[in-house]
Amino acid sequence: MSVHTIENPQELEAHITALTAIEPKFAAVYKQVGTPDLRHNVGGFEQLMRAMVGQQLSVAAAASIWQRLVDTNLTTPQAIREATDETLRTQGLSQQKTRYVRSLVEHDIDFVALKALSDEEVIETLTAVTGIGRWTAEMYLLFSLKRADILAVDDLAIKAAAMELLGLPVRPTPKQLKHLTQDWSPHRSAASLLLWSYYGLLRNKTVIPL
């Protein structure tokens, strides 16, 4: 099995060109938003733990709690194992978040090995952890593993932007969106990045009608 990734802006632009040939409506979006930022990160335990900490919190609240965990050296599997629930609570983790983080530690994921797995195998591995859903796993695939064919059909912004792009009367369900965009493969990560950028324009009302 070969794993396809997008490593740099030039490769992203090649995917956008191929995507636009499949769905010409993306040409107008690309003209307005340009080449999106790839937003790659190093991944690993800390990346997933930080995603868990930030769930259902404002950006500011999540950043504050994460900084407290960093300052007290509570962002590694060993440190979490040795910490009491009370210690984690003192730094801002709820009982539920503590359970999630401990589940992440217990699963002892081989993050290097993930690089060789298929997209679905990575999703299966990550979602076995309590507190990690498919969306979080897809974000890890897209931004940490740099995978080339990821469209997060559960993502609110992507659904809203796709509705506008495709001229749909209502926001599509994840199942509908998956069906409508299957022809975009193997360039769906480029589609995700363009749709997020497009959603930003739509929210700011700076978009030119397609």
N, C-alpha and C. Protein backbone atom coordinates (compact mmCIF):
# COMPACT_ATOMS: atom_id res chain seq x y z
N MET A 1 0.84 -1.20 0.00
CA MET A 1 0.00 0.00 0.00
C MET A 1 0.87 1.25 0.00
N SER A 2 0.61 2.15 -0.93
CA SER A 2 1.36 3.40 -0.94
C SER A 2 0.55 4.48 -0.24
N VAL A 3 1.23 5.27 0.57
CA VAL A 3 0.60 6.36 1.31
C VAL A 3 0.89 7.66 0.58
N HIS A 4 -0.15 8.43 0.26
CA HIS A 4 0.02 9.68 -0.48
C HIS A 4 -0.06 10.87 0.47
N THR A 5 0.93 11.73 0.38
CA THR A 5 0.99 12.90 1.26
C THR A 5 1.16 14.17 0.44
N ILE A 6 0.92 15.30 1.10
CA ILE A 6 1.20 16.62 0.53
C ILE A 6 2.25 17.25 1.42
N GLU A 7 3.45 17.42 0.89
CA GLU A 7 4.58 17.83 1.71
C GLU A 7 4.85 19.33 1.69
N ASN A 8 4.42 20.03 0.66
CA ASN A 8 4.78 21.45 0.53
C ASN A 8 3.75 22.18 -0.33
N PRO A 9 3.81 23.52 -0.38
CA PRO A 9 2.83 24.29 -1.15
C PRO A 9 2.81 23.93 -2.63
N GLN A 10 3.95 23.57 -3.19
CA GLN A 10 3.99 23.22 -4.61
C GLN A 10 3.16 21.95 -4.88
N GLU A 11 3.28 20.97 -4.00
CA GLU A 11 2.48 19.75 -4.14
C GLU A 11 1.00 20.05 -3.93
N LEU A 12 0.70 20.94 -2.99
CA LEU A 12 -0.70 21.34 -2.78
C LEU A 12 -1.26 22.00 -4.04
N GLU A 13 -0.49 22.86 -4.66
CA GLU A 13 -0.95 23.53 -5.89
C GLU A 13 -1.21 22.53 -7.01
N ALA A 14 -0.40 21.48 -7.08
CA ALA A 14 -0.62 20.44 -8.09
C ALA A 14 -1.93 19.70 -7.82
N HIS A 15 -2.22 19.46 -6.54
CA HIS A 15 -3.49 18.81 -6.18
C HIS A 15 -4.67 19.73 -6.49
N ILE A 16 -4.50 21.03 -6.24
CA ILE A 16 -5.58 21.98 -6.53
C ILE A 16 -5.86 22.03 -8.03
N THR A 17 -4.82 22.00 -8.84
CA THR A 17 -4.99 21.98 -10.29
C THR A 17 -5.78 20.75 -10.73
N ALA A 18 -5.41 19.59 -10.18
CA ALA A 18 -6.10 18.35 -10.52
C ALA A 18 -7.55 18.37 -10.01
N LEU A 19 -7.74 18.91 -8.81
CA LEU A 19 -9.09 19.00 -8.24
C LEU A 19 -9.98 19.91 -9.09
N THR A 20 -9.44 21.02 -9.55
CA THR A 20 -10.21 21.97 -10.35
C THR A 20 -10.62 21.38 -11.69
N ALA A 21 -9.78 20.48 -12.20
CA ALA A 21 -10.14 19.79 -13.45
C ALA A 21 -11.35 18.88 -13.24
N ILE A 22 -11.48 18.33 -12.02
CA ILE A 22 -12.62 17.46 -11.69
C ILE A 22 -13.85 18.29 -11.35
N GLU A 23 -13.65 19.35 -10.54
CA GLU A 23 -14.75 20.22 -10.11
C GLU A 23 -14.36 21.67 -10.41
N PRO A 24 -14.74 22.17 -11.61
CA PRO A 24 -14.32 23.52 -12.04
C PRO A 24 -14.75 24.65 -11.10
N LYS A 25 -15.77 24.43 -10.26
CA LYS A 25 -16.21 25.49 -9.35
C LYS A 25 -15.11 25.90 -8.37
N PHE A 26 -14.13 25.02 -8.16
CA PHE A 26 -13.04 25.36 -7.25
C PHE A 26 -12.13 26.45 -7.84
N ALA A 27 -12.18 26.66 -9.15
CA ALA A 27 -11.31 27.67 -9.77
C ALA A 27 -11.58 29.05 -9.19
N ALA A 28 -12.87 29.38 -9.06
CA ALA A 28 -13.24 30.70 -8.52
C ALA A 28 -12.85 30.82 -7.05
N VAL A 29 -12.98 29.73 -6.30
CA VAL A 29 -12.59 29.74 -4.89
C VAL A 29 -11.09 29.97 -4.78
N TYR A 30 -10.32 29.23 -5.56
CA TYR A 30 -8.87 29.36 -5.53
C TYR A 30 -8.43 30.77 -5.90
N LYS A 31 -9.12 31.36 -6.86
CA LYS A 31 -8.79 32.72 -7.28
C LYS A 31 -8.96 33.70 -6.12
N GLN A 32 -9.95 33.44 -5.27
CA GLN A 32 -10.24 34.34 -4.15
C GLN A 32 -9.37 34.08 -2.93
N VAL A 33 -9.06 32.81 -2.65
CA VAL A 33 -8.36 32.50 -1.40
C VAL A 33 -6.86 32.24 -1.59
N GLY A 34 -6.45 31.93 -2.82
CA GLY A 34 -5.05 31.60 -3.05
C GLY A 34 -4.70 30.21 -2.52
N THR A 35 -3.40 29.94 -2.40
CA THR A 35 -2.96 28.65 -1.89
C THR A 35 -3.06 28.64 -0.37
N PRO A 36 -3.89 27.78 0.21
CA PRO A 36 -4.05 27.77 1.68
C PRO A 36 -2.78 27.34 2.39
N ASP A 37 -2.68 27.74 3.65
CA ASP A 37 -1.59 27.30 4.52
C ASP A 37 -1.80 25.82 4.83
N LEU A 38 -0.74 25.03 4.73
CA LEU A 38 -0.86 23.59 5.01
C LEU A 38 -1.04 23.30 6.50
N ARG A 39 -0.59 24.19 7.36
CA ARG A 39 -0.80 24.07 8.82
C ARG A 39 -0.30 22.73 9.38
N HIS A 40 0.79 22.23 8.86
CA HIS A 40 1.33 20.97 9.35
C HIS A 40 1.88 21.11 10.77
N ASN A 41 1.77 20.03 11.54
CA ASN A 41 2.36 19.98 12.88
C ASN A 41 3.12 18.66 13.04
N VAL A 42 3.87 18.54 14.13
CA VAL A 42 4.73 17.36 14.29
C VAL A 42 3.98 16.12 14.75
N GLY A 43 2.75 16.29 15.24
CA GLY A 43 1.98 15.12 15.67
C GLY A 43 2.49 14.52 16.97
N GLY A 44 2.12 13.26 17.19
CA GLY A 44 2.57 12.57 18.39
C GLY A 44 1.62 12.72 19.56
N PHE A 45 2.05 12.23 20.72
CA PHE A 45 1.22 12.21 21.92
C PHE A 45 0.73 13.60 22.30
N GLU A 46 1.65 14.56 22.34
CA GLU A 46 1.28 15.91 22.78
C GLU A 46 0.21 16.52 21.88
N GLN A 47 0.32 16.28 20.58
CA GLN A 47 -0.64 16.86 19.64
C GLN A 47 -2.06 16.35 19.93
N LEU A 48 -2.18 15.05 20.15
CA LEU A 48 -3.50 14.48 20.44
C LEU A 48 -4.00 14.89 21.82
N MET A 49 -3.09 14.93 22.78
CA MET A 49 -3.49 15.36 24.13
C MET A 49 -4.00 16.80 24.09
N ARG A 50 -3.32 17.65 23.34
CA ARG A 50 -3.75 19.04 23.24
C ARG A 50 -5.13 19.14 22.57
N ALA A 51 -5.37 18.30 21.56
CA ALA A 51 -6.68 18.28 20.91
C ALA A 51 -7.76 17.88 21.90
N MET A 52 -7.46 16.91 22.75
CA MET A 52 -8.42 16.48 23.77
C MET A 52 -8.72 17.60 24.77
N VAL A 53 -7.66 18.25 25.22
CA VAL A 53 -7.81 19.33 26.20
C VAL A 53 -8.69 20.44 25.65
N GLY A 54 -8.57 20.70 24.35
CA GLY A 54 -9.29 21.80 23.75
C GLY A 54 -10.72 21.52 23.35
N GLN A 55 -11.16 20.27 23.45
CA GLN A 55 -12.51 19.93 23.02
C GLN A 55 -13.57 20.70 23.81
N GLN A 56 -14.52 21.31 23.08
CA GLN A 56 -15.67 22.00 23.66
C GLN A 56 -15.28 23.19 24.54
N LEU A 57 -14.09 23.74 24.28
CA LEU A 57 -13.65 24.93 25.00
C LEU A 57 -13.35 26.04 24.00
N SER A 58 -13.38 27.27 24.46
CA SER A 58 -12.96 28.38 23.61
C SER A 58 -11.46 28.26 23.37
N VAL A 59 -10.99 28.90 22.32
CA VAL A 59 -9.55 28.87 22.01
C VAL A 59 -8.74 29.40 23.19
N ALA A 60 -9.22 30.48 23.79
CA ALA A 60 -8.50 31.11 24.91
C ALA A 60 -8.45 30.18 26.13
N ALA A 61 -9.59 29.57 26.46
CA ALA A 61 -9.63 28.67 27.62
C ALA A 61 -8.74 27.46 27.40
N ALA A 62 -8.79 26.89 26.19
CA ALA A 62 -7.96 25.72 25.87
C ALA A 62 -6.48 26.07 25.96
N ALA A 63 -6.11 27.24 25.43
CA ALA A 63 -4.70 27.66 25.46
C ALA A 63 -4.22 27.88 26.89
N SER A 64 -5.09 28.43 27.73
CA SER A 64 -4.74 28.68 29.12
C SER A 64 -4.48 27.38 29.88
N ILE A 65 -5.38 26.41 29.71
CA ILE A 65 -5.21 25.12 30.40
C ILE A 65 -3.98 24.40 29.88
N TRP A 66 -3.78 24.43 28.57
CA TRP A 66 -2.62 23.75 28.00
C TRP A 66 -1.32 24.36 28.53
N GLN A 67 -1.27 25.69 28.64
CA GLN A 67 -0.07 26.34 29.15
C GLN A 67 0.21 25.93 30.59
N ARG A 68 -0.84 25.76 31.38
CA ARG A 68 -0.65 25.31 32.77
C ARG A 68 -0.09 23.90 32.80
N LEU A 69 -0.56 23.05 31.90
CA LEU A 69 -0.04 21.67 31.83
C LEU A 69 1.43 21.66 31.39
N VAL A 70 1.74 22.52 30.41
CA VAL A 70 3.14 22.63 29.95
C VAL A 70 4.03 23.12 31.09
N ASP A 71 3.58 24.16 31.79
CA ASP A 71 4.38 24.77 32.87
C ASP A 71 4.64 23.79 34.01
N THR A 72 3.75 22.83 34.21
CA THR A 72 3.91 21.85 35.29
C THR A 72 4.41 20.50 34.76
N ASN A 73 4.88 20.51 33.49
CA ASN A 73 5.46 19.29 32.87
C ASN A 73 4.50 18.11 32.90
N LEU A 74 3.25 18.38 32.55
CA LEU A 74 2.22 17.32 32.56
C LEU A 74 1.73 17.03 31.14
N THR A 75 2.65 16.89 30.19
CA THR A 75 2.25 16.66 28.80
C THR A 75 2.93 15.43 28.20
N THR A 76 3.43 14.54 29.03
CA THR A 76 4.03 13.30 28.54
C THR A 76 3.32 12.10 29.15
N PRO A 77 3.37 10.94 28.50
CA PRO A 77 2.73 9.75 29.06
C PRO A 77 3.23 9.43 30.47
N GLN A 78 4.53 9.52 30.69
CA GLN A 78 5.08 9.19 32.00
C GLN A 78 4.56 10.14 33.08
N ALA A 79 4.51 11.42 32.76
CA ALA A 79 4.03 12.41 33.73
C ALA A 79 2.56 12.17 34.06
N ILE A 80 1.76 11.83 33.05
CA ILE A 80 0.33 11.57 33.28
C ILE A 80 0.15 10.32 34.16
N ARG A 81 0.95 9.30 33.90
CA ARG A 81 0.86 8.07 34.71
C ARG A 81 1.14 8.37 36.18
N GLU A 82 2.11 9.24 36.41
CA GLU A 82 2.54 9.51 37.79
C GLU A 82 1.65 10.53 38.50
N ALA A 83 0.89 11.31 37.74
CA ALA A 83 0.05 12.36 38.33
C ALA A 83 -1.25 11.77 38.89
N THR A 84 -1.72 12.34 39.97
CA THR A 84 -3.02 11.96 40.50
C THR A 84 -4.12 12.71 39.74
N ASP A 85 -5.33 12.21 39.81
CA ASP A 85 -6.46 12.92 39.18
C ASP A 85 -6.60 14.32 39.77
N GLU A 86 -6.33 14.44 41.07
CA GLU A 86 -6.44 15.74 41.73
C GLU A 86 -5.43 16.74 41.15
N THR A 87 -4.21 16.25 40.88
CA THR A 87 -3.19 17.12 40.29
C THR A 87 -3.63 17.62 38.92
N LEU A 88 -4.18 16.72 38.11
CA LEU A 88 -4.65 17.11 36.77
C LEU A 88 -5.84 18.07 36.87
N ARG A 89 -6.70 17.84 37.85
CA ARG A 89 -7.87 18.71 38.03
C ARG A 89 -7.41 20.12 38.41
N THR A 90 -6.40 20.19 39.24
CA THR A 90 -5.87 21.48 39.68
C THR A 90 -5.36 22.31 38.50
N GLN A 91 -4.87 21.63 37.46
CA GLN A 91 -4.37 22.33 36.27
C GLN A 91 -5.46 22.59 35.24
N GLY A 92 -6.69 22.23 35.57
CA GLY A 92 -7.81 22.61 34.69
C GLY A 92 -8.48 21.48 33.94
N LEU A 93 -8.02 20.23 34.12
CA LEU A 93 -8.65 19.12 33.42
C LEU A 93 -9.88 18.63 34.17
N SER A 94 -10.99 18.53 33.47
CA SER A 94 -12.22 17.99 34.07
C SER A 94 -12.05 16.49 34.29
N GLN A 95 -12.97 15.91 35.00
CA GLN A 95 -12.95 14.46 35.23
C GLN A 95 -13.01 13.70 33.90
N GLN A 96 -13.84 14.19 32.98
CA GLN A 96 -13.98 13.55 31.67
C GLN A 96 -12.68 13.67 30.85
N LYS A 97 -12.09 14.86 30.84
CA LYS A 97 -10.83 15.06 30.09
C LYS A 97 -9.70 14.21 30.68
N THR A 98 -9.70 14.08 32.01
CA THR A 98 -8.69 13.23 32.66
C THR A 98 -8.83 11.79 32.19
N ARG A 99 -10.07 11.34 32.07
CA ARG A 99 -10.32 9.97 31.60
C ARG A 99 -9.83 9.81 30.16
N TYR A 100 -10.07 10.82 29.34
CA TYR A 100 -9.62 10.78 27.95
C TYR A 100 -8.09 10.68 27.86
N VAL A 101 -7.42 11.54 28.60
CA VAL A 101 -5.96 11.59 28.55
C VAL A 101 -5.36 10.29 29.06
N ARG A 102 -5.96 9.73 30.12
CA ARG A 102 -5.45 8.46 30.64
C ARG A 102 -5.68 7.33 29.62
N SER A 103 -6.77 7.39 28.87
CA SER A 103 -7.01 6.39 27.83
C SER A 103 -5.96 6.51 26.74
N LEU A 104 -5.58 7.73 26.40
CA LEU A 104 -4.53 7.94 25.39
C LEU A 104 -3.21 7.32 25.86
N VAL A 105 -2.89 7.50 27.12
CA VAL A 105 -1.67 6.91 27.69
C VAL A 105 -1.74 5.39 27.63
N GLU A 106 -2.88 4.85 28.04
CA GLU A 106 -3.04 3.39 28.11
C GLU A 106 -2.91 2.71 26.74
N HIS A 107 -3.34 3.39 25.70
CA HIS A 107 -3.28 2.77 24.36
C HIS A 107 -1.86 2.74 23.78
N ASP A 108 -0.97 3.56 24.34
CA ASP A 108 0.46 3.48 23.99
C ASP A 108 0.66 3.39 22.47
N ILE A 109 0.12 4.36 21.76
CA ILE A 109 0.16 4.35 20.29
C ILE A 109 1.60 4.51 19.78
N ASP A 110 1.95 3.72 18.80
CA ASP A 110 3.24 3.86 18.12
C ASP A 110 3.05 4.89 17.01
N PHE A 111 3.40 6.13 17.30
CA PHE A 111 3.12 7.22 16.37
C PHE A 111 3.96 7.15 15.10
N VAL A 112 5.13 6.58 15.20
CA VAL A 112 5.96 6.40 14.01
C VAL A 112 5.32 5.38 13.07
N ALA A 113 4.79 4.31 13.64
CA ALA A 113 4.16 3.26 12.83
C ALA A 113 2.92 3.75 12.10
N LEU A 114 2.26 4.78 12.64
CA LEU A 114 1.06 5.32 11.98
C LEU A 114 1.36 5.80 10.57
N LYS A 115 2.59 6.24 10.34
CA LYS A 115 2.95 6.81 9.05
C LYS A 115 2.82 5.81 7.91
N ALA A 116 2.92 4.53 8.23
CA ALA A 116 2.86 3.49 7.19
C ALA A 116 1.46 2.90 7.04
N LEU A 117 0.53 3.28 7.91
CA LEU A 117 -0.82 2.71 7.87
C LEU A 117 -1.69 3.45 6.87
N SER A 118 -2.73 2.79 6.39
CA SER A 118 -3.71 3.45 5.52
C SER A 118 -4.51 4.46 6.34
N ASP A 119 -5.21 5.36 5.65
CA ASP A 119 -6.02 6.35 6.35
C ASP A 119 -7.01 5.69 7.30
N GLU A 120 -7.72 4.68 6.83
CA GLU A 120 -8.73 4.04 7.67
C GLU A 120 -8.10 3.29 8.84
N GLU A 121 -6.92 2.73 8.64
CA GLU A 121 -6.23 2.05 9.75
C GLU A 121 -5.81 3.05 10.81
N VAL A 122 -5.38 4.23 10.39
CA VAL A 122 -5.03 5.27 11.36
C VAL A 122 -6.28 5.70 12.14
N ILE A 123 -7.38 5.90 11.42
CA ILE A 123 -8.63 6.29 12.08
C ILE A 123 -9.06 5.22 13.08
N GLU A 124 -8.96 3.96 12.70
CA GLU A 124 -9.34 2.86 13.59
C GLU A 124 -8.46 2.84 14.84
N THR A 125 -7.15 3.08 14.66
CA THR A 125 -6.22 3.08 15.79
C THR A 125 -6.51 4.24 16.74
N LEU A 126 -6.71 5.41 16.19
CA LEU A 126 -6.90 6.59 17.04
C LEU A 126 -8.26 6.61 17.72
N THR A 127 -9.31 6.21 17.01
CA THR A 127 -10.65 6.25 17.61
C THR A 127 -10.87 5.14 18.63
N ALA A 128 -9.94 4.23 18.77
CA ALA A 128 -10.01 3.24 19.85
C ALA A 128 -9.78 3.90 21.21
N VAL A 129 -9.18 5.08 21.19
CA VAL A 129 -8.94 5.85 22.42
C VAL A 129 -10.23 6.56 22.83
N THR A 130 -10.59 6.46 24.10
CA THR A 130 -11.76 7.18 24.61
C THR A 130 -11.54 8.67 24.45
N GLY A 131 -12.48 9.36 23.81
CA GLY A 131 -12.37 10.81 23.64
C GLY A 131 -11.85 11.25 22.29
N ILE A 132 -11.45 10.29 21.45
CA ILE A 132 -11.03 10.64 20.08
C ILE A 132 -12.09 10.13 19.10
N GLY A 133 -12.73 11.06 18.41
CA GLY A 133 -13.71 10.70 17.39
C GLY A 133 -13.10 10.75 16.01
N ARG A 134 -13.92 10.47 15.03
CA ARG A 134 -13.41 10.42 13.65
C ARG A 134 -12.86 11.78 13.20
N TRP A 135 -13.52 12.87 13.59
CA TRP A 135 -13.07 14.20 13.17
C TRP A 135 -11.65 14.47 13.66
N THR A 136 -11.39 14.18 14.93
CA THR A 136 -10.05 14.40 15.49
C THR A 136 -9.02 13.53 14.77
N ALA A 137 -9.41 12.30 14.47
CA ALA A 137 -8.49 11.39 13.75
C ALA A 137 -8.21 11.93 12.34
N GLU A 138 -9.24 12.47 11.69
CA GLU A 138 -9.03 13.04 10.35
C GLU A 138 -8.14 14.27 10.40
N MET A 139 -8.27 15.08 11.44
CA MET A 139 -7.39 16.25 11.58
C MET A 139 -5.94 15.79 11.77
N TYR A 140 -5.76 14.69 12.49
CA TYR A 140 -4.40 14.15 12.67
C TYR A 140 -3.84 13.67 11.33
N LEU A 141 -4.67 12.99 10.56
CA LEU A 141 -4.25 12.53 9.23
C LEU A 141 -3.85 13.70 8.34
N LEU A 142 -4.65 14.73 8.37
CA LEU A 142 -4.45 15.87 7.47
C LEU A 142 -3.25 16.73 7.87
N PHE A 143 -3.16 17.06 9.16
CA PHE A 143 -2.16 18.05 9.58
C PHE A 143 -0.89 17.45 10.18
N SER A 144 -0.98 16.25 10.76
CA SER A 144 0.20 15.63 11.35
C SER A 144 0.85 14.62 10.40
N LEU A 145 0.02 13.84 9.70
CA LEU A 145 0.55 12.84 8.77
C LEU A 145 0.56 13.33 7.32
N LYS A 146 0.02 14.53 7.08
CA LYS A 146 0.09 15.19 5.77
C LYS A 146 -0.61 14.39 4.66
N ARG A 147 -1.65 13.64 5.00
CA ARG A 147 -2.31 12.80 4.02
C ARG A 147 -3.04 13.65 2.98
N ALA A 148 -3.11 13.12 1.75
CA ALA A 148 -3.55 13.91 0.59
C ALA A 148 -5.04 13.80 0.27
N ASP A 149 -5.75 12.87 0.91
CA ASP A 149 -7.13 12.60 0.46
C ASP A 149 -8.11 12.56 1.62
N ILE A 150 -8.09 13.61 2.45
CA ILE A 150 -8.94 13.67 3.64
C ILE A 150 -9.96 14.80 3.52
N LEU A 151 -11.23 14.45 3.55
CA LEU A 151 -12.30 15.45 3.60
C LEU A 151 -13.15 15.16 4.83
N ALA A 152 -13.13 16.08 5.77
CA ALA A 152 -13.86 15.88 7.02
C ALA A 152 -15.33 16.24 6.82
N VAL A 153 -16.13 15.25 6.46
CA VAL A 153 -17.54 15.51 6.11
C VAL A 153 -18.40 15.88 7.31
N ASP A 154 -17.87 15.67 8.53
CA ASP A 154 -18.60 16.06 9.74
C ASP A 154 -18.29 17.50 10.15
N ASP A 155 -17.36 18.13 9.48
CA ASP A 155 -16.92 19.47 9.87
C ASP A 155 -17.95 20.52 9.45
N LEU A 156 -18.38 21.33 10.40
CA LEU A 156 -19.43 22.33 10.15
C LEU A 156 -19.03 23.31 9.06
N ALA A 157 -17.80 23.82 9.13
CA ALA A 157 -17.35 24.80 8.14
C ALA A 157 -17.29 24.20 6.74
N ILE A 158 -16.82 22.97 6.65
CA ILE A 158 -16.74 22.31 5.34
C ILE A 158 -18.13 22.08 4.77
N LYS A 159 -19.07 21.67 5.60
CA LYS A 159 -20.45 21.46 5.13
C LYS A 159 -21.06 22.77 4.63
N ALA A 160 -20.83 23.85 5.38
CA ALA A 160 -21.40 25.14 5.01
C ALA A 160 -20.77 25.66 3.71
N ALA A 161 -19.46 25.53 3.58
CA ALA A 161 -18.78 26.00 2.38
C ALA A 161 -19.14 25.15 1.16
N ALA A 162 -19.28 23.85 1.37
CA ALA A 162 -19.66 22.95 0.27
C ALA A 162 -21.08 23.25 -0.21
N MET A 163 -21.97 23.60 0.71
CA MET A 163 -23.34 23.97 0.33
C MET A 163 -23.31 25.15 -0.62
N GLU A 164 -22.49 26.16 -0.31
CA GLU A 164 -22.37 27.35 -1.15
C GLU A 164 -21.71 27.01 -2.48
N LEU A 165 -20.62 26.26 -2.40
CA LEU A 165 -19.86 25.90 -3.60
C LEU A 165 -20.71 25.12 -4.60
N LEU A 166 -21.45 24.16 -4.09
CA LEU A 166 -22.21 23.25 -4.96
C LEU A 166 -23.63 23.74 -5.24
N GLY A 167 -23.99 24.88 -4.64
CA GLY A 167 -25.32 25.44 -4.88
C GLY A 167 -26.43 24.59 -4.30
N LEU A 168 -26.20 24.01 -3.13
CA LEU A 168 -27.21 23.15 -2.50
C LEU A 168 -28.22 23.99 -1.73
N PRO A 169 -29.48 23.54 -1.66
CA PRO A 169 -30.50 24.33 -0.97
C PRO A 169 -30.34 24.31 0.55
N VAL A 170 -29.78 23.23 1.09
CA VAL A 170 -29.56 23.12 2.53
C VAL A 170 -28.18 22.52 2.76
N ARG A 171 -27.72 22.63 4.00
CA ARG A 171 -26.42 22.08 4.34
C ARG A 171 -26.47 20.55 4.22
N PRO A 172 -25.52 19.93 3.53
CA PRO A 172 -25.57 18.48 3.34
C PRO A 172 -25.27 17.70 4.62
N THR A 173 -25.83 16.52 4.72
CA THR A 173 -25.46 15.63 5.82
C THR A 173 -24.08 15.05 5.50
N PRO A 174 -23.39 14.51 6.50
CA PRO A 174 -22.10 13.88 6.22
C PRO A 174 -22.19 12.80 5.13
N LYS A 175 -23.26 12.00 5.17
CA LYS A 175 -23.43 10.94 4.18
C LYS A 175 -23.62 11.54 2.78
N GLN A 176 -24.43 12.58 2.68
CA GLN A 176 -24.64 13.24 1.38
C GLN A 176 -23.36 13.86 0.86
N LEU A 177 -22.62 14.51 1.76
CA LEU A 177 -21.38 15.18 1.34
C LEU A 177 -20.34 14.15 0.89
N LYS A 178 -20.27 13.04 1.59
CA LYS A 178 -19.34 11.98 1.18
C LYS A 178 -19.67 11.49 -0.23
N HIS A 179 -20.96 11.33 -0.50
CA HIS A 179 -21.39 10.87 -1.82
C HIS A 179 -21.09 11.93 -2.90
N LEU A 180 -21.40 13.19 -2.58
CA LEU A 180 -21.22 14.27 -3.56
C LEU A 180 -19.76 14.53 -3.90
N THR A 181 -18.85 14.18 -2.99
CA THR A 181 -17.44 14.54 -3.18
C THR A 181 -16.54 13.34 -3.46
N GLN A 182 -17.11 12.17 -3.66
CA GLN A 182 -16.24 11.00 -3.86
C GLN A 182 -15.40 11.12 -5.13
N ASP A 183 -15.92 11.85 -6.13
CA ASP A 183 -15.15 12.03 -7.37
C ASP A 183 -13.94 12.95 -7.18
N TRP A 184 -13.89 13.67 -6.05
CA TRP A 184 -12.75 14.56 -5.79
C TRP A 184 -11.50 13.79 -5.38
N SER A 185 -11.66 12.54 -5.02
CA SER A 185 -10.52 11.71 -4.64
C SER A 185 -9.60 11.52 -5.85
N PRO A 186 -8.29 11.53 -5.67
CA PRO A 186 -7.50 11.53 -4.41
C PRO A 186 -6.99 12.92 -4.01
N HIS A 187 -7.81 13.94 -4.18
CA HIS A 187 -7.37 15.32 -3.93
C HIS A 187 -8.23 16.00 -2.86
N ARG A 188 -8.82 15.20 -1.96
CA ARG A 188 -9.79 15.77 -1.03
C ARG A 188 -9.17 16.61 0.09
N SER A 189 -7.89 16.42 0.37
CA SER A 189 -7.25 17.31 1.36
C SER A 189 -7.16 18.73 0.80
N ALA A 190 -6.83 18.84 -0.47
CA ALA A 190 -6.83 20.16 -1.11
C ALA A 190 -8.22 20.78 -1.05
N ALA A 191 -9.24 19.97 -1.26
CA ALA A 191 -10.63 20.45 -1.17
C ALA A 191 -10.93 20.95 0.24
N SER A 192 -10.52 20.19 1.26
CA SER A 192 -10.74 20.60 2.66
C SER A 192 -10.12 21.97 2.93
N LEU A 193 -8.87 22.13 2.54
CA LEU A 193 -8.17 23.38 2.81
C LEU A 193 -8.80 24.56 2.07
N LEU A 194 -9.21 24.34 0.82
CA LEU A 194 -9.88 25.40 0.07
C LEU A 194 -11.24 25.73 0.68
N LEU A 195 -11.98 24.72 1.11
CA LEU A 195 -13.31 24.96 1.68
C LEU A 195 -13.21 25.70 3.02
N TRP A 196 -12.24 25.37 3.83
CA TRP A 196 -12.05 26.13 5.08
C TRP A 196 -11.74 27.59 4.80
N SER A 197 -10.87 27.84 3.83
CA SER A 197 -10.54 29.22 3.47
C SER A 197 -11.76 29.94 2.92
N TYR A 198 -12.52 29.23 2.10
CA TYR A 198 -13.73 29.79 1.51
C TYR A 198 -14.76 30.12 2.59
N TYR A 199 -14.88 29.24 3.58
CA TYR A 199 -15.80 29.49 4.69
C TYR A 199 -15.42 30.77 5.43
N GLY A 200 -14.12 31.01 5.58
CA GLY A 200 -13.68 32.24 6.22
C GLY A 200 -14.14 33.47 5.46
N LEU A 201 -14.07 33.41 4.14
CA LEU A 201 -14.57 34.52 3.32
C LEU A 201 -16.09 34.68 3.45
N LEU A 202 -16.79 33.56 3.46
CA LEU A 202 -18.25 33.60 3.57
C LEU A 202 -18.67 34.25 4.90
N ARG A 203 -17.98 33.90 5.96
CA ARG A 203 -18.32 34.46 7.28
C ARG A 203 -18.03 35.96 7.33
N ASN A 204 -16.97 36.36 6.64
CA ASN A 204 -16.59 37.78 6.64
C ASN A 204 -17.29 38.58 5.56
N LYS A 205 -18.12 37.86 4.76
CA LYS A 205 -18.89 38.50 3.68
C LYS A 205 -17.97 39.19 2.66
N THR A 206 -16.77 38.61 2.47
CA THR A 206 -15.85 39.20 1.49
C THR A 206 -15.77 38.32 0.24
N VAL A 207 -16.71 37.40 0.10
CA VAL A 207 -16.68 36.47 -1.01
C VAL A 207 -17.34 37.07 -2.25
N ILE A 208 -16.78 36.76 -3.40
CA ILE A 208 -17.39 37.15 -4.67
C ILE A 208 -18.25 35.95 -5.12
N PRO A 209 -19.50 36.17 -5.53
CA PRO A 209 -20.36 35.05 -5.94
C PRO A 209 -19.69 34.19 -7.00
N LEU A 210 -19.84 32.89 -6.87
CA LEU A 210 -19.23 31.95 -7.83
C LEU A 210 -19.99 31.98 -9.15
